[in-house]
Protein backbone atom coordinates (compact mmCIF):
# COMPACT_ATOMS: atom_id res chain seq x y z
CA UNK A 1 -180.99 56.23 -40.56
CA UNK A 2 -180.66 53.38 -38.46
CA UNK A 3 -178.38 50.43 -40.12
CA UNK A 4 -179.84 47.36 -41.72
CA UNK A 5 -179.12 44.02 -39.62
CA UNK A 6 -176.48 41.62 -40.69
CA UNK A 7 -177.04 37.86 -41.16
CA UNK A 8 -176.33 35.97 -38.17
CA UNK A 9 -178.43 38.23 -36.10
CA UNK A 10 -179.50 36.93 -33.14
CA UNK A 11 -182.60 34.99 -32.82
CA UNK A 12 -185.63 35.27 -31.30
CA UNK A 13 -185.46 33.69 -27.46
CA UNK A 14 -181.86 35.25 -26.93
CA UNK A 15 -183.51 38.85 -26.76
CA UNK A 16 -184.34 39.42 -23.00
CA UNK A 17 -187.16 41.78 -24.58
CA UNK A 18 -188.38 38.82 -26.48
CA UNK A 19 -187.84 36.58 -22.93
CA UNK A 20 -190.00 39.10 -21.32
CA UNK A 21 -192.78 39.60 -23.64
CA UNK A 22 -192.61 35.92 -23.79
CA UNK A 23 -193.31 35.19 -19.69
CA UNK A 24 -197.01 36.31 -19.22
CA UNK A 25 -199.44 33.88 -20.16
CA UNK A 26 -201.21 36.57 -22.73
CA UNK A 27 -200.63 40.36 -23.18
CA UNK A 28 -203.27 43.05 -22.69
CA UNK A 29 -204.32 45.25 -25.50
CA UNK A 30 -205.26 48.52 -24.40
CA UNK A 31 -208.01 49.63 -27.32
CA UNK A 32 -211.36 48.76 -25.34
CA UNK A 33 -210.04 51.05 -22.78
CA UNK A 34 -210.08 53.85 -24.96
CA UNK A 35 -213.78 53.39 -25.83
CA UNK A 36 -213.69 51.51 -28.78
CA UNK A 37 -217.29 51.12 -30.28
CA UNK A 38 -219.05 51.55 -27.09
CA UNK A 39 -217.95 53.55 -23.61
CA UNK A 40 -216.74 52.05 -20.64
CA UNK A 41 -216.92 53.63 -17.02
CA UNK A 42 -213.68 54.53 -15.54
CA UNK A 43 -213.94 52.87 -12.81
CA UNK A 44 -214.57 49.71 -14.98
CA UNK A 45 -211.60 49.96 -17.14
CA UNK A 46 -209.20 50.19 -13.88
CA UNK A 47 -210.44 47.56 -12.33
CA UNK A 48 -210.06 45.28 -15.28
CA UNK A 49 -206.12 46.35 -15.14
CA UNK A 50 -205.90 45.64 -11.75
CA UNK A 51 -207.76 42.12 -12.55
CA UNK A 52 -206.14 41.72 -15.34
CA UNK A 53 -202.39 42.17 -13.68
CA UNK A 54 -203.79 40.44 -10.61
CA UNK A 55 -204.01 37.14 -12.69
CA UNK A 56 -200.52 37.36 -14.59
CA UNK A 57 -200.50 40.18 -17.24
CA UNK A 58 -197.38 41.48 -16.93
CA UNK A 59 -197.28 43.34 -20.59
CA UNK A 60 -199.50 46.32 -20.95
CA UNK A 61 -200.16 48.15 -24.46
CA UNK A 62 -201.81 51.29 -25.34
CA UNK A 63 -201.69 53.97 -27.25
CA UNK A 64 -202.82 58.15 -27.74
CA UNK A 65 -204.87 57.19 -30.66
CA UNK A 66 -206.89 55.40 -27.89
CA UNK A 67 -209.66 57.51 -27.01
CA UNK A 68 -207.23 60.70 -27.64
CA UNK A 69 -205.60 59.37 -24.10
CA UNK A 70 -208.49 57.81 -22.38
CA UNK A 71 -206.64 53.82 -22.39
CA UNK A 72 -203.51 55.57 -21.87
CA UNK A 73 -205.14 57.77 -18.51
CA UNK A 74 -207.07 54.25 -17.41
CA UNK A 75 -204.38 52.32 -17.86
CA UNK A 76 -202.06 53.95 -15.53
CA UNK A 77 -204.59 54.35 -13.04
CA UNK A 78 -204.93 50.54 -12.74
CA UNK A 79 -201.06 49.51 -12.60
CA UNK A 80 -200.48 53.11 -10.46
CA UNK A 81 -200.07 50.33 -7.35
CA UNK A 82 -197.83 47.60 -9.12
CA UNK A 83 -194.49 47.12 -8.70
CA UNK A 84 -192.72 49.22 -12.04
CA UNK A 85 -190.15 46.55 -12.90
CA UNK A 86 -192.95 43.33 -12.44
CA UNK A 87 -194.33 44.69 -15.95
CA UNK A 88 -193.66 45.65 -19.06
CA UNK A 89 -195.51 48.84 -20.89
CA UNK A 90 -195.60 49.86 -24.30
CA UNK A 91 -197.17 52.97 -26.05
CA UNK A 92 -197.14 54.83 -29.96
CA UNK A 93 -195.91 57.38 -31.51
CA UNK A 94 -196.87 59.26 -34.67
CA UNK A 95 -199.77 61.28 -33.73
CA UNK A 96 -199.90 63.95 -31.26
CA UNK A 97 -202.64 64.97 -29.50
CA UNK A 98 -204.16 68.64 -29.52
CA UNK A 99 -206.76 69.87 -26.96
CA UNK A 100 -209.54 71.36 -29.25
CA UNK A 101 -213.10 72.65 -27.60
CA UNK A 102 -214.97 71.60 -30.45
CA UNK A 103 -213.74 68.13 -31.62
CA UNK A 104 -216.01 65.60 -32.14
CA UNK A 105 -216.89 62.67 -29.29
CA UNK A 106 -216.81 60.25 -31.56
CA UNK A 107 -213.49 59.33 -33.86
CA UNK A 108 -211.98 56.71 -34.87
CA UNK A 109 -214.47 54.34 -33.95
CA UNK A 110 -213.99 55.71 -30.42
CA UNK A 111 -216.91 56.79 -28.95
CA UNK A 112 -217.10 59.55 -26.01
CA UNK A 113 -213.53 60.54 -26.52
CA UNK A 114 -211.41 63.13 -25.17
CA UNK A 115 -211.61 66.55 -26.31
CA UNK A 116 -208.43 66.23 -28.49
CA UNK A 117 -207.94 66.43 -32.44
CA UNK A 118 -204.86 64.73 -33.88
CA UNK A 119 -201.85 65.76 -35.52
CA UNK A 120 -199.16 63.31 -37.65
CA UNK A 121 -195.48 63.92 -36.69
CA UNK A 122 -193.24 61.32 -37.45
CA UNK A 123 -190.16 63.47 -36.78
CA UNK A 124 -187.86 62.89 -33.65
CA UNK A 125 -189.14 65.92 -32.06
CA UNK A 126 -192.70 64.65 -32.51
CA UNK A 127 -192.06 61.68 -31.32
CA UNK A 128 -190.15 63.13 -27.92
CA UNK A 129 -193.39 65.25 -27.39
CA UNK A 130 -195.28 62.39 -28.05
CA UNK A 131 -193.64 60.30 -26.16
CA UNK A 132 -193.34 63.03 -23.25
CA UNK A 133 -197.20 63.58 -23.22
CA UNK A 134 -198.05 60.00 -22.90
CA UNK A 135 -195.43 59.39 -19.63
CA UNK A 136 -198.04 61.98 -18.14
CA UNK A 137 -201.55 60.43 -19.02
CA UNK A 138 -200.02 57.63 -17.70
CA UNK A 139 -198.39 58.78 -14.32
CA UNK A 140 -195.58 57.00 -15.05
CA UNK A 141 -191.46 58.19 -15.57
CA UNK A 142 -190.86 54.67 -17.63
CA UNK A 143 -192.31 53.23 -21.02
CA UNK A 144 -190.60 50.27 -21.98
CA UNK A 145 -191.67 50.03 -25.65
CA UNK A 146 -192.56 52.33 -28.19
CA UNK A 147 -194.21 51.58 -31.55
CA UNK A 148 -194.59 54.04 -34.71
CA UNK A 149 -198.12 53.82 -34.97
CA UNK A 150 -199.90 53.08 -38.33
CA UNK A 151 -197.22 54.72 -40.37
CA UNK A 152 -198.86 52.87 -43.56
CA UNK A 153 -200.28 54.19 -47.09
CA UNK A 154 -203.50 52.71 -45.84
CA UNK A 155 -203.28 55.60 -43.03
CA UNK A 156 -201.56 58.39 -45.08
CA UNK A 157 -202.42 58.01 -48.66
CA UNK A 158 -200.63 60.45 -50.56
CA UNK A 159 -198.53 61.83 -47.66
CA UNK A 160 -197.32 58.27 -46.96
CA UNK A 161 -194.00 59.01 -48.65
CA UNK A 162 -193.23 62.03 -46.70
CA UNK A 163 -194.55 60.16 -43.56
CA UNK A 164 -191.95 57.45 -43.97
CA UNK A 165 -189.16 59.57 -44.81
CA UNK A 166 -189.37 60.98 -41.37
CA UNK A 167 -189.90 58.31 -39.58
CA UNK A 168 -186.39 56.31 -41.33
CA UNK A 169 -184.33 59.89 -41.39
CA UNK A 170 -185.64 61.65 -37.94
CA UNK A 171 -187.74 59.56 -35.76
CA UNK A 172 -185.76 55.72 -35.47
CA UNK A 173 -182.40 57.25 -35.18
CA UNK A 174 -184.70 59.56 -31.95
CA UNK A 175 -186.00 56.46 -30.48
CA UNK A 176 -182.58 54.58 -31.22
CA UNK A 177 -181.02 57.34 -28.85
CA UNK A 178 -183.37 56.54 -26.39
CA UNK A 179 -182.70 52.83 -26.16
CA UNK A 180 -178.78 53.70 -25.99
CA UNK A 181 -179.23 55.67 -23.18
CA UNK A 182 -181.48 52.97 -21.44
CA UNK A 183 -184.67 54.98 -21.50
CA UNK A 184 -186.72 52.96 -23.37
CA UNK A 185 -186.04 49.14 -23.58
CA UNK A 186 -186.69 48.97 -27.03
CA UNK A 187 -188.80 50.23 -30.06
CA UNK A 188 -190.75 49.12 -33.42
CA UNK A 189 -193.40 49.62 -35.40
CA UNK A 190 -197.50 49.27 -34.21
CA UNK A 191 -199.34 48.01 -37.73
CA UNK A 192 -202.13 46.71 -39.50
CA UNK A 193 -200.12 45.70 -42.59
CA UNK A 194 -197.20 43.53 -43.73
CA UNK A 195 -196.06 45.35 -46.36
CA UNK A 196 -195.07 48.69 -44.53
CA UNK A 197 -193.00 46.12 -41.91
CA UNK A 198 -190.87 45.00 -44.86
CA UNK A 199 -190.22 48.58 -46.18
CA UNK A 200 -189.36 49.58 -42.90
CA UNK A 201 -186.61 46.49 -42.18
CA UNK A 202 -184.84 47.21 -45.53
CA UNK A 203 -183.77 50.23 -43.91
CA UNK A 204 -183.76 49.81 -40.33
CA UNK A 205 -183.55 47.71 -37.25
CA UNK A 206 -186.48 47.01 -35.11
CA UNK A 207 -186.32 45.12 -31.87
CA UNK A 208 -190.04 44.47 -31.86
CA UNK A 209 -193.26 44.68 -33.86
CA UNK A 210 -196.84 44.50 -32.78
CA UNK A 211 -198.61 43.39 -35.75
CA UNK A 212 -202.43 42.97 -35.70
CA UNK A 213 -204.24 40.52 -37.44
CA UNK A 214 -201.80 39.08 -39.81
CA UNK A 215 -201.03 35.69 -38.37
CA UNK A 216 -204.48 34.28 -37.57
CA UNK A 217 -206.14 31.37 -37.83
CA UNK A 218 -207.91 33.50 -40.62
CA UNK A 219 -204.82 35.39 -42.47
CA UNK A 220 -201.58 34.12 -42.60
CA UNK A 221 -200.24 36.99 -44.76
CA UNK A 222 -197.36 37.76 -42.37
CA UNK A 223 -195.80 34.17 -42.72
CA UNK A 224 -194.17 33.80 -46.52
CA UNK A 225 -191.85 36.58 -45.68
CA UNK A 226 -192.30 39.03 -42.52
CA UNK A 227 -191.85 36.09 -39.79
CA UNK A 228 -188.94 34.46 -41.32
CA UNK A 229 -187.44 38.00 -41.63
CA UNK A 230 -188.16 38.61 -38.02
CA UNK A 231 -186.68 35.50 -36.96
CA UNK A 232 -183.49 35.87 -38.85
CA UNK A 233 -183.00 39.50 -37.08
CA UNK A 234 -184.33 38.77 -33.91
CA UNK A 235 -187.46 41.23 -34.14
CA UNK A 236 -189.63 40.15 -31.66
CA UNK A 237 -193.66 40.10 -33.17
CA UNK A 238 -196.32 40.62 -30.64
CA UNK A 239 -199.43 39.75 -32.15
CA UNK A 240 -202.27 41.89 -31.47
CA UNK A 241 -205.73 41.13 -32.66
CA UNK A 242 -205.84 37.58 -32.73
CA UNK A 243 -209.52 36.90 -32.88
CA UNK A 244 -209.17 39.50 -36.37
CA UNK A 245 -211.57 41.87 -34.43
CA UNK A 246 -214.13 39.19 -33.91
CA UNK A 247 -214.72 36.22 -36.00
CA UNK A 248 -211.98 34.18 -34.39
CA UNK A 249 -214.34 34.79 -31.12
CA UNK A 250 -217.89 34.94 -32.67
CA UNK A 251 -217.60 32.36 -35.34
CA UNK A 252 -219.02 32.38 -38.72
CA UNK A 253 -222.20 33.12 -37.55
CA UNK A 254 -222.31 34.96 -34.50
CA UNK A 255 -225.38 35.05 -31.49
CA UNK A 256 -228.09 37.23 -32.04
CA UNK A 257 -227.82 37.69 -36.21
CA UNK A 258 -225.41 39.98 -36.47
CA UNK A 259 -222.72 39.93 -39.16
CA UNK A 260 -219.06 38.20 -37.94
CA UNK A 261 -216.56 40.67 -38.34
CA UNK A 262 -213.26 41.43 -39.85
CA UNK A 263 -210.90 43.71 -39.74
CA UNK A 264 -213.31 46.11 -38.19
CA UNK A 265 -215.73 45.85 -40.68
CA UNK A 266 -218.12 43.29 -41.96
CA UNK A 267 -216.49 39.83 -43.18
CA UNK A 268 -216.09 39.39 -46.56
CA UNK A 269 -217.18 36.15 -48.18
CA UNK A 270 -214.00 33.95 -48.77
CA UNK A 271 -213.08 34.80 -44.69
CA UNK A 272 -216.50 33.49 -43.61
CA UNK A 273 -216.03 30.65 -45.71
CA UNK A 274 -212.76 29.54 -44.28
CA UNK A 275 -213.54 30.15 -40.53
CA UNK A 276 -216.68 27.96 -41.04
CA UNK A 277 -214.64 25.01 -42.23
CA UNK A 278 -212.46 25.64 -39.19
CA UNK A 279 -215.17 25.35 -37.27
CA UNK A 280 -216.40 21.87 -38.11
CA UNK A 281 -213.13 20.55 -37.07
CA UNK A 282 -213.24 22.23 -34.22
CA UNK A 283 -216.65 20.38 -33.51
CA UNK A 284 -214.96 17.00 -34.45
CA UNK A 285 -212.07 17.35 -31.82
CA UNK A 286 -214.85 19.48 -29.20
CA UNK A 287 -211.74 22.53 -29.31
CA UNK A 288 -213.55 26.24 -28.84
CA UNK A 289 -212.28 28.35 -32.01
CA UNK A 290 -211.09 30.93 -29.77
CA UNK A 291 -209.16 28.78 -28.10
CA UNK A 292 -207.39 27.67 -31.47
CA UNK A 293 -207.23 31.21 -32.49
CA UNK A 294 -204.91 32.01 -28.96
CA UNK A 295 -202.96 29.24 -29.26
CA UNK A 296 -202.37 29.00 -33.22
CA UNK A 297 -200.24 32.11 -33.42
CA UNK A 298 -197.48 31.60 -30.07
CA UNK A 299 -196.61 28.40 -32.00
CA UNK A 300 -194.03 30.33 -34.55
CA UNK A 301 -191.03 31.05 -33.01
CA UNK A 302 -190.85 35.01 -34.31
CA UNK A 303 -193.86 35.49 -31.82
CA UNK A 304 -193.42 36.12 -28.58
CA UNK A 305 -196.50 37.27 -27.15
CA UNK A 306 -200.44 37.67 -28.37
CA UNK A 307 -202.15 40.74 -26.78
CA UNK A 308 -206.61 40.38 -27.32
CA UNK A 309 -208.50 43.23 -26.08
CA UNK A 310 -210.81 42.83 -23.58
CA UNK A 311 -213.93 44.48 -22.22
CA UNK A 312 -214.87 42.56 -19.21
CA UNK A 313 -213.43 40.21 -16.29
CA UNK A 314 -215.35 38.01 -17.62
CA UNK A 315 -213.75 38.11 -20.86
CA UNK A 316 -210.02 38.52 -19.93
CA UNK A 317 -210.59 35.41 -17.52
CA UNK A 318 -212.60 33.43 -20.16
CA UNK A 319 -208.78 34.30 -22.58
CA UNK A 320 -206.90 32.91 -20.05
CA UNK A 321 -208.41 29.68 -19.87
CA UNK A 322 -208.42 29.43 -23.49
CA UNK A 323 -204.96 30.30 -24.16
CA UNK A 324 -204.29 26.82 -22.08
CA UNK A 325 -207.58 24.65 -23.49
CA UNK A 326 -205.85 21.30 -24.34
CA UNK A 327 -205.82 21.09 -27.50
CA UNK A 328 -205.34 17.50 -29.28
CA UNK A 329 -202.44 17.31 -31.82
CA UNK A 330 -204.49 15.50 -34.11
CA UNK A 331 -206.74 18.83 -34.87
CA UNK A 332 -204.04 20.96 -35.21
CA UNK A 333 -202.96 18.07 -38.49
CA UNK A 334 -206.52 18.16 -39.26
CA UNK A 335 -206.29 22.29 -40.05
CA UNK A 336 -203.06 21.47 -42.13
CA UNK A 337 -204.28 18.61 -43.89
CA UNK A 338 -207.63 20.49 -45.31
CA UNK A 339 -205.48 23.64 -46.31
CA UNK A 340 -206.64 25.87 -43.63
CA UNK A 341 -203.30 26.94 -42.14
CA UNK A 342 -200.48 26.91 -44.33
CA UNK A 343 -197.98 24.07 -45.20
CA UNK A 344 -194.93 25.83 -43.68
CA UNK A 345 -197.01 27.27 -40.72
CA UNK A 346 -195.23 25.36 -37.44
CA UNK A 347 -198.28 24.21 -35.39
CA UNK A 348 -198.63 24.11 -31.52
CA UNK A 349 -196.79 20.83 -30.52
CA UNK A 350 -194.59 20.31 -33.69
CA UNK A 351 -191.46 18.83 -33.04
CA UNK A 352 -189.68 21.05 -35.67
């Protein structure tokens, strides 16, 4: 196993990897490039990546899981002309793609996927094979950050203990060797849940965690323990899913009468009520809900970067504007006073 961090470890901001992640206005989440929920033509996907790079994105994330390699291929094609040292690139390990002529074309929320099945493998050998496959699809000899994807009970059920043991005893040491040789810049977890992050951190050092949706205006479950532990250790957090898969962009009552979505399903009533209350304060201060959603997480010193997924050039441009939209300090104080953000949560502009 990799060693546990000692007290007094470097804080975020002193790490070169943290600084590089924090340098871009927004990172680029590659799940939509894999046809998440609906198809996207290759040329549209590649143009979107080129547009994001041309407009300042310097961190791009993808995974074999995203459309069974479609996202990686499209991302690599879109970045083909970008100087390699000018951006950070991350992908994920834990799933091996195996060609299957009879594979369903719609799997795991992705439509028109490539003709592959998935096999879980969290051993060092499996991680190295997965990374080699990813580099081939990306058309790049180097990936900067490698995330262990979805190593949680919700994904693996009864096999979780074995998968986690493989990760700790074999997978993470293999990634640590790649980092020691300079093959990758860092490694960590790409997950949706707080508990698995804390479990792994009890046994291993991680450079970075890509955590989806657990430190947002709608869900601050990462705050009480995980973010402070990452800050103490110097583990950077990349915050994925800043809109919680929809509701913090669409609001509590989306146009057209469709239900608001939270974590890839219809939002529960308590989340809808919370977001509706936030919207009322947004209206008082003339603040777009999505702007507040993008700006809130970065106030915490453990959060290095926020990576929303986008489908169109217009969405990307809008997110870029919203990420720097002026928001008065009084708005953030009002959220705190109404218990819509945790009392201990750092707010944009806080002197502390």
